[in-house]
């Protein structure tokens, strides 16, 4: 995966193995709703996660009967058919797929487990200088909905904007390090695709 580490300004995460000399960002630019972002989890400030930015500072988010509400407005979504299998670990999910449309017109595909456990949630209120992220595989994603492990993410924890897939491997057909299985496991059709 290629990540633009300068999309949101320069920070301690802009260079590999950079020392923690400052907690500030320089020449910063705010992320936009719908961006796919790599960030350090607030729990340890070391683990990288990649998720979609859904909530900006001051936003409210809530799931009611499986529908996502942003600032008390239901997010528009259109059901679509997909032909690929979606897994959560080793479990194949029985899913519904939707094209969700954010208020600014940003579109993306999100999948939900038909027997998902996050159909109804409390209301999340995004604090100042924090962001709310969710994975596109909604019921198999540890994200901002889980306040004790991920929760709200500060601006300083953003590493960068995901831009392009460099290499893709099907783990079920072979481990990345098992190069002799690459002829079965490499997903060439995903190489150099733009992250949407």
Protein backbone atom coordinates (compact mmCIF):
# COMPACT_ATOMS: atom_id res chain seq x y z
CA UNK A 1 0.00 0.00 0.00
CA UNK A 2 1.30 3.45 -0.87
CA UNK A 3 0.47 6.11 1.71
CA UNK A 4 0.91 9.84 1.19
CA UNK A 5 2.46 10.78 4.52
CA UNK A 6 2.38 14.47 3.66
CA UNK A 7 -1.32 14.78 2.80
CA UNK A 8 -2.10 16.17 6.23
CA UNK A 9 1.20 17.96 6.82
CA UNK A 10 4.55 16.93 8.25
CA UNK A 11 4.62 15.10 11.58
CA UNK A 12 6.68 12.61 13.52
CA UNK A 13 5.07 9.92 11.32
CA UNK A 14 6.26 11.47 8.04
CA UNK A 15 9.61 9.67 7.95
CA UNK A 16 10.31 6.03 8.78
CA UNK A 17 11.90 5.45 12.18
CA UNK A 18 11.71 9.16 12.91
CA UNK A 19 12.38 10.13 16.52
CA UNK A 20 9.53 11.58 18.54
CA UNK A 21 10.87 15.14 18.65
CA UNK A 22 7.52 16.94 18.48
CA UNK A 23 3.80 16.34 18.79
CA UNK A 24 3.00 19.08 16.28
CA UNK A 25 2.17 18.96 12.57
CA UNK A 26 3.66 21.46 10.17
CA UNK A 27 2.03 22.79 7.00
CA UNK A 28 -1.01 20.82 8.05
CA UNK A 29 -4.15 20.30 6.02
CA UNK A 30 -7.34 18.82 7.46
CA UNK A 31 -8.46 15.40 6.23
CA UNK A 32 -11.77 15.16 4.40
CA UNK A 33 -14.74 12.97 5.19
CA UNK A 34 -14.47 9.80 3.11
CA UNK A 35 -10.64 9.72 3.02
CA UNK A 36 -9.08 6.31 3.61
CA UNK A 37 -6.46 7.04 6.26
CA UNK A 38 -3.62 5.20 7.97
CA UNK A 39 -3.40 6.17 11.63
CA UNK A 40 -1.73 5.10 14.86
CA UNK A 41 -4.21 3.68 17.36
CA UNK A 42 -4.66 5.89 20.43
CA UNK A 43 -4.27 2.84 22.71
CA UNK A 44 -0.54 2.41 22.04
CA UNK A 45 0.42 5.08 19.46
CA UNK A 46 2.33 2.37 17.54
CA UNK A 47 -0.14 0.08 15.78
CA UNK A 48 -1.13 1.17 12.26
CA UNK A 49 -4.80 0.91 11.25
CA UNK A 50 -6.34 1.79 7.91
CA UNK A 51 -9.97 2.94 7.96
CA UNK A 52 -12.36 5.36 6.27
CA UNK A 53 -12.88 8.78 7.88
CA UNK A 54 -16.59 9.14 8.60
CA UNK A 55 -16.85 11.64 11.47
CA UNK A 56 -15.23 15.07 11.76
CA UNK A 57 -14.80 17.09 14.98
CA UNK A 58 -18.23 17.97 16.41
CA UNK A 59 -20.13 15.36 14.37
CA UNK A 60 -22.60 12.90 15.88
CA UNK A 61 -22.87 9.33 14.58
CA UNK A 62 -25.24 6.52 15.44
CA UNK A 63 -26.52 3.24 14.02
CA UNK A 64 -30.30 2.81 14.25
CA UNK A 65 -31.79 -0.45 12.92
CA UNK A 66 -28.64 -1.01 10.85
CA UNK A 67 -28.69 2.44 9.23
CA UNK A 68 -25.89 4.96 9.78
CA UNK A 69 -26.95 8.43 10.90
CA UNK A 70 -24.52 11.35 10.62
CA UNK A 71 -25.55 14.54 12.42
CA UNK A 72 -29.07 13.08 12.79
CA UNK A 73 -29.38 12.55 9.02
CA UNK A 74 -29.62 9.03 7.61
CA UNK A 75 -26.74 8.28 5.22
CA UNK A 76 -28.10 7.48 1.78
CA UNK A 77 -27.25 3.99 0.62
CA UNK A 78 -28.15 1.83 -2.35
CA UNK A 79 -28.05 -1.95 -2.15
CA UNK A 80 -25.72 -3.55 -4.67
CA UNK A 81 -24.86 -7.13 -5.60
CA UNK A 82 -21.28 -8.30 -5.22
CA UNK A 83 -19.87 -11.61 -6.37
CA UNK A 84 -16.89 -12.00 -4.04
CA UNK A 85 -16.84 -13.79 -0.71
CA UNK A 86 -16.31 -11.62 2.35
CA UNK A 87 -14.68 -13.21 5.38
CA UNK A 88 -14.14 -12.21 8.97
CA UNK A 89 -11.13 -14.23 10.05
CA UNK A 90 -11.91 -17.77 8.91
CA UNK A 91 -15.68 -17.23 8.93
CA UNK A 92 -17.50 -16.50 5.66
CA UNK A 93 -20.03 -13.73 6.23
CA UNK A 94 -23.60 -13.61 4.96
CA UNK A 95 -23.55 -10.00 3.82
CA UNK A 96 -25.47 -7.13 2.35
CA UNK A 97 -23.43 -4.68 0.28
CA UNK A 98 -24.30 -1.02 -0.18
CA UNK A 99 -22.98 1.99 -2.01
CA UNK A 100 -23.07 4.61 0.73
CA UNK A 101 -23.15 8.29 -0.17
CA UNK A 102 -21.81 10.83 2.31
CA UNK A 103 -23.34 14.34 2.53
CA UNK A 104 -20.62 15.82 0.27
CA UNK A 105 -21.33 13.21 -2.44
CA UNK A 106 -18.37 10.92 -1.63
CA UNK A 107 -19.33 7.32 -2.54
CA UNK A 108 -17.86 4.04 -1.36
CA UNK A 109 -18.93 0.43 -0.87
CA UNK A 110 -19.62 -0.89 2.63
CA UNK A 111 -20.58 -4.43 3.55
CA UNK A 112 -22.66 -5.47 6.55
CA UNK A 113 -23.13 -8.92 8.05
CA UNK A 114 -26.85 -9.77 7.88
CA UNK A 115 -26.55 -11.06 11.45
CA UNK A 116 -24.35 -8.16 12.59
CA UNK A 117 -24.16 -7.09 16.21
CA UNK A 118 -23.77 -3.33 15.63
CA UNK A 119 -27.31 -2.70 14.32
CA UNK A 120 -28.06 -0.21 17.12
CA UNK A 121 -25.47 1.87 18.96
CA UNK A 122 -25.30 4.73 21.38
CA UNK A 123 -24.74 8.17 19.85
CA UNK A 124 -21.06 8.97 19.29
CA UNK A 125 -20.08 12.65 19.61
CA UNK A 126 -16.68 13.36 18.04
CA UNK A 127 -14.56 15.61 20.31
CA UNK A 128 -12.68 18.68 19.05
CA UNK A 129 -9.45 17.84 17.18
CA UNK A 130 -10.51 14.17 16.88
CA UNK A 131 -11.85 11.98 14.07
CA UNK A 132 -14.15 8.96 13.83
CA UNK A 133 -13.10 6.07 11.57
CA UNK A 134 -14.89 2.94 10.39
CA UNK A 135 -13.82 0.00 8.28
CA UNK A 136 -15.78 -0.66 5.08
CA UNK A 137 -16.36 -4.26 6.27
CA UNK A 138 -18.57 -2.86 9.01
CA UNK A 139 -19.17 -5.97 11.12
CA UNK A 140 -15.58 -7.19 10.96
CA UNK A 141 -13.76 -4.00 11.82
CA UNK A 142 -12.24 -2.80 15.06
CA UNK A 143 -12.67 0.93 14.68
CA UNK A 144 -13.84 4.11 16.42
CA UNK A 145 -17.08 2.45 17.52
CA UNK A 146 -14.97 0.53 20.05
CA UNK A 147 -14.04 3.33 22.42
CA UNK A 148 -11.84 1.26 24.75
CA UNK A 149 -9.54 -0.05 22.00
CA UNK A 150 -9.62 2.46 19.14
CA UNK A 151 -12.13 5.23 19.84
CA UNK A 152 -11.67 8.77 18.61
CA UNK A 153 -8.36 9.48 16.85
CA UNK A 154 -6.44 12.74 17.26
CA UNK A 155 -5.10 14.70 14.31
CA UNK A 156 -1.53 14.02 15.48
CA UNK A 157 -2.08 10.25 15.18
CA UNK A 158 -2.84 10.45 11.45
CA UNK A 159 0.00 8.94 9.40
CA UNK A 160 -1.30 9.71 5.93
CA UNK A 161 -3.85 9.17 3.20
CA UNK A 162 -3.91 5.76 1.50
CA UNK A 163 -3.42 6.30 -2.21
CA UNK A 164 -2.60 3.08 -4.10
CA UNK A 165 -2.40 -0.68 -3.62
CA UNK A 166 1.13 -1.82 -4.38
CA UNK A 167 0.89 -5.57 -3.73
CA UNK A 168 -2.05 -7.86 -2.97
CA UNK A 169 -1.89 -11.45 -1.79
CA UNK A 170 -4.66 -13.97 -0.96
CA UNK A 171 -3.55 -15.37 2.41
CA UNK A 172 -5.72 -18.46 1.98
CA UNK A 173 -3.73 -19.49 -1.09
CA UNK A 174 -0.28 -18.69 0.24
CA UNK A 175 1.69 -16.56 2.64
CA UNK A 176 3.51 -13.52 1.23
CA UNK A 177 6.83 -15.07 2.26
CA UNK A 178 6.05 -18.35 0.45
CA UNK A 179 7.18 -17.04 -2.94
CA UNK A 180 6.84 -20.49 -4.51
CA UNK A 181 3.04 -20.14 -4.07
CA UNK A 182 2.83 -16.65 -5.57
CA UNK A 183 1.51 -17.99 -8.87
CA UNK A 184 -1.66 -18.99 -6.94
CA UNK A 185 -1.86 -16.28 -4.29
CA UNK A 186 -0.95 -12.98 -5.97
CA UNK A 187 -3.94 -10.85 -6.95
CA UNK A 188 -2.42 -9.04 -9.94
CA UNK A 189 -5.75 -7.41 -10.80
CA UNK A 190 -5.43 -5.31 -7.62
CA UNK A 191 -1.86 -4.08 -8.23
CA UNK A 192 -1.59 -0.30 -8.59
CA UNK A 193 -5.32 0.27 -8.10
CA UNK A 194 -6.24 3.60 -6.57
CA UNK A 195 -7.67 3.36 -3.04
CA UNK A 196 -11.22 4.65 -3.14
